N, C-alpha and C. Protein backbone atom coordinates (compact mmCIF):
# COMPACT_ATOMS: atom_id res chain seq x y z
N MET A 1 91.34 60.79 118.51
CA MET A 1 90.85 61.39 117.30
C MET A 1 89.33 61.55 117.41
N PRO A 2 88.81 62.75 117.15
CA PRO A 2 87.37 62.96 117.30
C PRO A 2 86.59 62.22 116.21
N ASP A 3 85.36 61.81 116.57
CA ASP A 3 84.50 61.12 115.62
C ASP A 3 83.96 62.08 114.56
N LYS A 4 83.73 63.30 114.96
CA LYS A 4 83.15 64.28 114.05
C LYS A 4 84.06 65.50 113.94
N VAL A 5 84.07 66.05 112.77
CA VAL A 5 84.81 67.28 112.54
C VAL A 5 83.81 68.42 112.61
N LYS A 6 84.12 69.40 113.42
CA LYS A 6 83.24 70.55 113.54
C LYS A 6 83.47 71.49 112.36
N VAL A 7 82.40 71.78 111.64
CA VAL A 7 82.48 72.68 110.51
C VAL A 7 82.06 74.06 110.99
N ILE A 8 82.90 75.01 110.71
CA ILE A 8 82.63 76.39 111.11
C ILE A 8 82.17 77.15 109.88
N ASP A 9 80.98 77.73 109.99
CA ASP A 9 80.48 78.54 108.88
C ASP A 9 81.26 79.85 108.88
N CYS A 10 81.95 80.12 107.80
CA CYS A 10 82.83 81.27 107.73
C CYS A 10 82.61 82.00 106.42
N LYS A 11 82.39 83.29 106.49
CA LYS A 11 82.20 84.11 105.30
C LYS A 11 83.37 85.06 105.17
N GLN A 12 83.66 85.45 103.93
CA GLN A 12 84.72 86.41 103.67
C GLN A 12 84.44 87.70 104.42
N SER A 13 83.17 88.06 104.55
CA SER A 13 82.82 89.31 105.22
C SER A 13 83.13 89.29 106.71
N ASP A 14 83.41 88.10 107.26
CA ASP A 14 83.76 87.99 108.67
C ASP A 14 85.21 88.36 108.95
N HIS A 15 85.98 88.61 107.90
CA HIS A 15 87.41 88.84 108.04
C HIS A 15 87.81 90.19 107.48
N GLU A 16 88.94 90.67 107.98
CA GLU A 16 89.49 91.93 107.47
C GLU A 16 89.80 91.81 105.99
N TYR A 17 89.58 92.87 105.28
CA TYR A 17 89.85 92.93 103.84
C TYR A 17 91.36 92.88 103.61
N LEU A 18 91.84 91.90 102.86
CA LEU A 18 93.28 91.72 102.67
C LEU A 18 93.72 91.84 101.22
N HIS A 19 92.94 92.46 100.39
CA HIS A 19 93.23 92.54 98.98
C HIS A 19 94.57 93.23 98.70
N LYS A 20 95.00 94.12 99.56
CA LYS A 20 96.24 94.85 99.31
C LYS A 20 97.42 93.91 99.08
N ASP A 21 97.46 92.78 99.77
CA ASP A 21 98.56 91.85 99.59
C ASP A 21 98.57 91.22 98.21
N PHE A 22 97.44 91.19 97.54
CA PHE A 22 97.36 90.68 96.18
C PHE A 22 98.26 91.48 95.24
N HIS A 23 98.39 92.77 95.45
CA HIS A 23 99.15 93.62 94.54
C HIS A 23 100.62 93.23 94.47
N GLY A 24 101.19 92.82 95.58
CA GLY A 24 102.58 92.35 95.58
C GLY A 24 102.72 91.09 94.74
N ALA A 25 101.76 90.17 94.89
CA ALA A 25 101.78 88.95 94.08
C ALA A 25 101.65 89.29 92.60
N LEU A 26 100.84 90.29 92.28
CA LEU A 26 100.67 90.71 90.89
C LEU A 26 101.99 91.26 90.33
N CYS A 27 102.74 91.97 91.14
CA CYS A 27 104.05 92.47 90.68
C CYS A 27 104.97 91.32 90.30
N TYR A 28 104.98 90.27 91.12
CA TYR A 28 105.80 89.10 90.79
C TYR A 28 105.30 88.44 89.50
N ALA A 29 103.98 88.38 89.33
CA ALA A 29 103.42 87.77 88.12
C ALA A 29 103.81 88.57 86.88
N ILE A 30 103.75 89.89 86.97
CA ILE A 30 104.14 90.73 85.84
C ILE A 30 105.61 90.52 85.51
N LYS A 31 106.46 90.51 86.52
CA LYS A 31 107.89 90.30 86.28
C LYS A 31 108.14 88.93 85.64
N TYR A 32 107.48 87.92 86.15
CA TYR A 32 107.65 86.57 85.60
C TYR A 32 107.23 86.53 84.13
N LEU A 33 106.04 87.04 83.84
CA LEU A 33 105.56 87.02 82.46
C LEU A 33 106.47 87.84 81.54
N ASP A 34 106.87 89.03 82.01
CA ASP A 34 107.79 89.86 81.21
C ASP A 34 109.10 89.11 80.93
N ASP A 35 109.68 88.52 81.98
CA ASP A 35 110.98 87.85 81.84
C ASP A 35 110.90 86.59 80.98
N LYS A 36 109.85 85.79 81.17
CA LYS A 36 109.74 84.49 80.49
C LYS A 36 109.15 84.60 79.08
N PHE A 37 108.18 85.53 78.90
CA PHE A 37 107.42 85.54 77.66
C PHE A 37 107.40 86.89 76.95
N GLY A 38 107.84 87.94 77.63
CA GLY A 38 107.88 89.26 77.03
C GLY A 38 106.69 90.13 77.41
N GLU A 39 106.87 91.44 77.21
CA GLU A 39 105.85 92.40 77.61
C GLU A 39 104.54 92.22 76.84
N LYS A 40 104.61 91.77 75.61
CA LYS A 40 103.38 91.54 74.82
C LYS A 40 102.53 90.45 75.46
N ALA A 41 103.16 89.39 75.95
CA ALA A 41 102.43 88.31 76.61
C ALA A 41 101.79 88.82 77.90
N THR A 42 102.50 89.68 78.61
CA THR A 42 101.94 90.26 79.83
C THR A 42 100.70 91.08 79.49
N GLU A 43 100.79 91.86 78.43
CA GLU A 43 99.64 92.66 78.01
C GLU A 43 98.47 91.76 77.62
N GLU A 44 98.74 90.69 76.92
CA GLU A 44 97.67 89.75 76.54
C GLU A 44 97.01 89.14 77.76
N TYR A 45 97.81 88.82 78.77
CA TYR A 45 97.26 88.31 80.03
C TYR A 45 96.35 89.36 80.68
N LEU A 46 96.81 90.60 80.74
CA LEU A 46 96.01 91.66 81.36
C LEU A 46 94.73 91.94 80.57
N ILE A 47 94.77 91.78 79.26
CA ILE A 47 93.56 91.91 78.44
C ILE A 47 92.57 90.81 78.80
N GLN A 48 93.06 89.60 79.02
CA GLN A 48 92.18 88.50 79.45
C GLN A 48 91.53 88.82 80.79
N VAL A 49 92.32 89.35 81.71
CA VAL A 49 91.78 89.73 83.02
C VAL A 49 90.70 90.79 82.85
N GLY A 50 91.00 91.80 82.04
CA GLY A 50 90.04 92.88 81.82
C GLY A 50 88.76 92.41 81.17
N SER A 51 88.87 91.45 80.25
CA SER A 51 87.68 91.02 79.51
C SER A 51 86.90 89.91 80.20
N THR A 52 87.48 89.28 81.22
CA THR A 52 86.76 88.22 81.93
C THR A 52 86.39 88.66 83.35
N TYR A 53 87.40 88.86 84.19
CA TYR A 53 87.14 89.22 85.58
C TYR A 53 86.35 90.52 85.69
N PHE A 54 86.69 91.49 84.85
CA PHE A 54 86.02 92.79 84.93
C PHE A 54 84.84 92.93 83.97
N LYS A 55 84.40 91.83 83.37
CA LYS A 55 83.24 91.88 82.48
C LYS A 55 81.98 92.41 83.17
N PRO A 56 81.68 91.98 84.40
CA PRO A 56 80.49 92.54 85.06
C PRO A 56 80.57 94.08 85.19
N LEU A 57 81.74 94.60 85.47
CA LEU A 57 81.89 96.06 85.55
C LEU A 57 81.72 96.69 84.18
N ALA A 58 82.27 96.06 83.14
CA ALA A 58 82.10 96.57 81.78
C ALA A 58 80.62 96.57 81.40
N ASP A 59 79.90 95.53 81.77
CA ASP A 59 78.46 95.47 81.49
C ASP A 59 77.71 96.58 82.21
N LYS A 60 78.07 96.82 83.48
CA LYS A 60 77.43 97.92 84.23
C LYS A 60 77.75 99.26 83.59
N LEU A 61 78.98 99.45 83.18
CA LEU A 61 79.36 100.69 82.52
C LEU A 61 78.56 100.89 81.24
N LYS A 62 78.42 99.84 80.48
CA LYS A 62 77.67 99.90 79.22
C LYS A 62 76.20 100.24 79.47
N ASN A 63 75.61 99.63 80.51
CA ASN A 63 74.18 99.79 80.78
C ASN A 63 73.84 101.01 81.62
N GLU A 64 74.72 101.40 82.53
CA GLU A 64 74.41 102.47 83.47
C GLU A 64 75.21 103.74 83.23
N GLY A 65 76.24 103.68 82.43
CA GLY A 65 77.06 104.84 82.18
C GLY A 65 78.15 105.02 83.23
N LEU A 66 78.76 106.20 83.20
CA LEU A 66 79.92 106.48 84.05
C LEU A 66 79.64 106.39 85.54
N SER A 67 78.39 106.53 85.95
CA SER A 67 78.08 106.42 87.38
C SER A 67 78.44 105.04 87.92
N ALA A 68 78.37 104.01 87.09
CA ALA A 68 78.77 102.66 87.52
C ALA A 68 80.26 102.61 87.83
N LEU A 69 81.04 103.25 86.99
CA LEU A 69 82.49 103.29 87.20
C LEU A 69 82.83 104.17 88.41
N GLU A 70 82.13 105.28 88.54
CA GLU A 70 82.33 106.15 89.70
C GLU A 70 82.08 105.38 90.99
N SER A 71 80.98 104.65 91.06
CA SER A 71 80.66 103.86 92.26
C SER A 71 81.74 102.81 92.53
N HIS A 72 82.19 102.16 91.47
CA HIS A 72 83.24 101.14 91.62
C HIS A 72 84.50 101.75 92.22
N TRP A 73 84.97 102.86 91.65
CA TRP A 73 86.21 103.47 92.14
C TRP A 73 86.06 103.97 93.57
N ARG A 74 84.93 104.60 93.88
CA ARG A 74 84.71 105.06 95.26
C ARG A 74 84.80 103.89 96.23
N HIS A 75 84.12 102.81 95.89
CA HIS A 75 84.10 101.64 96.76
C HIS A 75 85.51 101.09 96.98
N ILE A 76 86.26 100.90 95.89
CA ILE A 76 87.60 100.33 95.98
C ILE A 76 88.54 101.24 96.77
N PHE A 77 88.57 102.52 96.43
CA PHE A 77 89.53 103.42 97.08
C PHE A 77 89.18 103.68 98.53
N GLN A 78 87.90 103.68 98.88
CA GLN A 78 87.54 103.82 100.29
C GLN A 78 87.91 102.57 101.06
N LYS A 79 87.63 101.41 100.48
CA LYS A 79 87.93 100.14 101.14
C LYS A 79 89.43 99.97 101.36
N GLU A 80 90.22 100.38 100.36
CA GLU A 80 91.67 100.23 100.46
C GLU A 80 92.35 101.46 101.06
N GLN A 81 91.57 102.43 101.46
CA GLN A 81 92.06 103.64 102.13
C GLN A 81 93.03 104.43 101.26
N GLY A 82 92.69 104.55 99.99
CA GLY A 82 93.49 105.36 99.08
C GLY A 82 93.10 106.82 99.21
N GLN A 83 93.99 107.68 98.77
CA GLN A 83 93.71 109.12 98.76
C GLN A 83 93.39 109.51 97.32
N PHE A 84 92.18 110.01 97.11
CA PHE A 84 91.71 110.25 95.75
C PHE A 84 90.63 111.33 95.73
N LYS A 85 90.42 111.85 94.53
CA LYS A 85 89.29 112.73 94.23
C LYS A 85 88.64 112.16 92.99
N ILE A 86 87.34 112.20 92.94
CA ILE A 86 86.63 111.75 91.75
C ILE A 86 85.57 112.79 91.41
N TYR A 87 85.55 113.19 90.15
CA TYR A 87 84.63 114.24 89.75
C TYR A 87 84.42 114.19 88.24
N TYR A 88 83.50 115.00 87.78
CA TYR A 88 83.21 115.09 86.35
C TYR A 88 83.68 116.43 85.81
N ASP A 89 84.22 116.39 84.61
CA ASP A 89 84.51 117.59 83.84
C ASP A 89 83.71 117.43 82.56
N GLY A 90 82.54 118.02 82.54
CA GLY A 90 81.62 117.80 81.43
C GLY A 90 81.17 116.35 81.41
N ASN A 91 81.42 115.66 80.31
CA ASN A 91 81.03 114.25 80.17
C ASN A 91 82.19 113.29 80.45
N THR A 92 83.21 113.79 81.11
CA THR A 92 84.38 112.96 81.43
C THR A 92 84.47 112.73 82.93
N LEU A 93 84.57 111.47 83.32
CA LEU A 93 84.79 111.11 84.72
C LEU A 93 86.29 111.15 84.97
N ILE A 94 86.71 111.84 86.02
CA ILE A 94 88.14 111.96 86.34
C ILE A 94 88.39 111.40 87.73
N LEU A 95 89.35 110.52 87.80
CA LEU A 95 89.81 109.95 89.07
C LEU A 95 91.25 110.41 89.26
N GLU A 96 91.46 111.26 90.27
CA GLU A 96 92.81 111.72 90.61
C GLU A 96 93.26 110.97 91.86
N VAL A 97 94.28 110.18 91.70
CA VAL A 97 94.82 109.40 92.82
C VAL A 97 96.06 110.11 93.33
N SER A 98 95.98 110.58 94.58
CA SER A 98 97.14 111.25 95.16
C SER A 98 98.00 110.29 95.99
N GLU A 99 97.42 109.15 96.37
CA GLU A 99 98.20 108.07 96.97
C GLU A 99 97.54 106.75 96.64
N CYS A 100 98.18 106.00 95.76
CA CYS A 100 97.68 104.68 95.38
C CYS A 100 97.80 103.75 96.58
N PRO A 101 96.69 103.16 97.02
CA PRO A 101 96.78 102.28 98.18
C PRO A 101 97.65 101.05 97.93
N ALA A 102 97.67 100.55 96.72
CA ALA A 102 98.48 99.37 96.41
C ALA A 102 99.97 99.69 96.51
N ILE A 103 100.38 100.76 95.85
CA ILE A 103 101.80 101.12 95.86
C ILE A 103 102.25 101.53 97.26
N ALA A 104 101.41 102.29 97.96
CA ALA A 104 101.75 102.68 99.33
C ALA A 104 101.92 101.45 100.22
N HIS A 105 101.05 100.48 100.07
CA HIS A 105 101.12 99.24 100.86
C HIS A 105 102.41 98.47 100.55
N MET A 106 102.73 98.34 99.26
CA MET A 106 103.94 97.59 98.90
C MET A 106 105.20 98.28 99.42
N LYS A 107 105.25 99.60 99.32
CA LYS A 107 106.42 100.33 99.81
C LYS A 107 106.53 100.25 101.33
N LYS A 108 105.40 100.39 102.01
CA LYS A 108 105.39 100.33 103.47
C LYS A 108 105.88 98.97 103.96
N ARG A 109 105.50 97.91 103.27
CA ARG A 109 105.86 96.55 103.68
C ARG A 109 107.13 96.05 103.00
N ASP A 110 107.76 96.93 102.20
CA ASP A 110 108.97 96.57 101.47
C ASP A 110 108.76 95.31 100.61
N ILE A 111 107.62 95.30 99.91
CA ILE A 111 107.27 94.20 99.01
C ILE A 111 107.81 94.54 97.62
N PHE A 112 108.24 93.52 96.91
CA PHE A 112 108.75 93.71 95.56
C PHE A 112 107.77 94.53 94.73
N TYR A 113 108.31 95.47 93.97
CA TYR A 113 107.52 96.34 93.11
C TYR A 113 108.19 96.41 91.75
N THR A 114 107.41 96.26 90.69
CA THR A 114 107.93 96.42 89.35
C THR A 114 107.44 97.74 88.77
N GLU A 115 108.30 98.40 88.04
CA GLU A 115 107.94 99.67 87.41
C GLU A 115 106.78 99.51 86.42
N ARG A 116 106.51 98.29 86.00
CA ARG A 116 105.44 98.03 85.05
C ARG A 116 104.09 97.75 85.73
N TYR A 117 104.05 97.85 87.03
CA TYR A 117 102.82 97.54 87.77
C TYR A 117 101.63 98.37 87.29
N CYS A 118 101.80 99.65 87.07
CA CYS A 118 100.69 100.52 86.69
C CYS A 118 100.13 100.20 85.31
N GLN A 119 100.87 99.41 84.53
CA GLN A 119 100.32 98.97 83.25
C GLN A 119 99.06 98.13 83.45
N THR A 120 98.92 97.51 84.62
CA THR A 120 97.69 96.76 84.88
C THR A 120 96.49 97.70 84.80
N THR A 121 96.62 98.87 85.37
CA THR A 121 95.54 99.86 85.33
C THR A 121 95.27 100.29 83.90
N VAL A 122 96.32 100.61 83.17
CA VAL A 122 96.18 101.08 81.79
C VAL A 122 95.48 100.03 80.92
N VAL A 123 95.97 98.80 80.95
CA VAL A 123 95.45 97.76 80.06
C VAL A 123 94.06 97.30 80.49
N VAL A 124 93.87 97.07 81.77
CA VAL A 124 92.56 96.61 82.24
C VAL A 124 91.49 97.68 82.00
N ASN A 125 91.81 98.94 82.32
CA ASN A 125 90.84 100.02 82.06
C ASN A 125 90.50 100.10 80.57
N ARG A 126 91.51 100.07 79.74
CA ARG A 126 91.28 100.15 78.29
C ARG A 126 90.40 99.00 77.81
N THR A 127 90.66 97.80 78.31
CA THR A 127 89.89 96.63 77.90
C THR A 127 88.44 96.72 78.31
N LEU A 128 88.19 97.05 79.57
CA LEU A 128 86.80 97.12 80.01
C LEU A 128 86.07 98.28 79.36
N CYS A 129 86.75 99.39 79.12
CA CYS A 129 86.12 100.52 78.44
C CYS A 129 85.77 100.17 77.00
N GLN A 130 86.66 99.48 76.31
CA GLN A 130 86.37 99.08 74.93
C GLN A 130 85.14 98.18 74.86
N GLN A 131 84.99 97.29 75.83
CA GLN A 131 83.82 96.41 75.87
C GLN A 131 82.53 97.21 76.03
N ALA A 132 82.61 98.35 76.69
CA ALA A 132 81.42 99.13 77.01
C ALA A 132 81.20 100.32 76.08
N GLY A 133 82.11 100.53 75.12
CA GLY A 133 81.97 101.66 74.21
C GLY A 133 82.48 102.97 74.78
N TYR A 134 83.46 102.89 75.67
CA TYR A 134 84.05 104.08 76.29
C TYR A 134 85.53 104.17 75.95
N GLN A 135 86.11 105.32 76.24
CA GLN A 135 87.54 105.56 76.10
C GLN A 135 88.10 105.89 77.48
N CYS A 136 89.40 105.77 77.62
CA CYS A 136 90.03 106.13 78.89
C CYS A 136 91.48 106.53 78.64
N SER A 137 92.03 107.19 79.64
CA SER A 137 93.45 107.51 79.63
C SER A 137 93.95 107.43 81.07
N CYS A 138 95.26 107.25 81.22
CA CYS A 138 95.86 107.20 82.55
C CYS A 138 97.25 107.83 82.45
N GLN A 139 97.43 108.94 83.17
CA GLN A 139 98.73 109.60 83.23
C GLN A 139 99.37 109.25 84.57
N TYR A 140 100.60 108.75 84.53
CA TYR A 140 101.29 108.39 85.76
C TYR A 140 102.79 108.36 85.53
N GLU A 141 103.53 108.42 86.62
CA GLU A 141 104.97 108.17 86.61
C GLU A 141 105.18 106.89 87.41
N PRO A 142 105.82 105.88 86.82
CA PRO A 142 105.99 104.60 87.52
C PRO A 142 106.57 104.78 88.92
N GLY A 143 105.93 104.12 89.88
CA GLY A 143 106.42 104.11 91.25
C GLY A 143 106.02 105.28 92.11
N LYS A 144 105.44 106.32 91.55
CA LYS A 144 105.10 107.51 92.33
C LYS A 144 103.82 107.32 93.13
N GLY A 145 102.95 106.41 92.69
CA GLY A 145 101.70 106.17 93.41
C GLY A 145 100.66 107.25 93.20
N LYS A 146 100.81 107.99 92.12
CA LYS A 146 99.87 109.04 91.77
C LYS A 146 99.50 108.88 90.30
N CYS A 147 98.23 109.17 89.99
CA CYS A 147 97.83 109.12 88.59
C CYS A 147 96.56 109.93 88.38
N ILE A 148 96.29 110.20 87.13
CA ILE A 148 95.03 110.82 86.74
C ILE A 148 94.43 109.93 85.67
N GLN A 149 93.28 109.37 86.00
CA GLN A 149 92.57 108.50 85.07
C GLN A 149 91.33 109.24 84.58
N LYS A 150 91.06 109.15 83.27
CA LYS A 150 89.90 109.80 82.69
C LYS A 150 89.11 108.77 81.90
N PHE A 151 87.78 108.94 81.92
CA PHE A 151 86.86 108.03 81.25
C PHE A 151 85.79 108.85 80.55
N TRP A 152 85.49 108.50 79.29
CA TRP A 152 84.47 109.22 78.55
C TRP A 152 83.87 108.31 77.48
N LYS A 153 82.68 108.68 77.02
CA LYS A 153 81.99 107.91 75.98
C LYS A 153 82.64 108.18 74.64
N GLU A 154 82.76 107.14 73.81
CA GLU A 154 83.35 107.28 72.48
C GLU A 154 82.53 108.22 71.63
């Protein structure tokens, strides 16, 4: 047995980005909450996520405007290799997702998927936008991996 344990300095940035696997776990969490406590409880959980975890993004949106959200979406979709377009129509930011990286990843790996998965986007977006004084919408068909999200000032 060695006298000393070698400590290796390790940063998250030293490793491949693995966030995609989180989405499968989230599907199981949604199913569990829906089955055990009902869809309202699941929505309440997602509101908590939106108002706590995404608070820094809501603050940036409030202080910097839609460009903060545009930067966030570009960063996420490029990192996760999603297929998307992002543009403005007047004062509305539009994110068109032609292939959701999360859904594509789950289908490719045959990971459990719940039809309610996209509600995370709807509820979290709505929550963070409300905190910042913005409105949003999300049009999608469950499981298709495509959506149109819009964001605008109230």
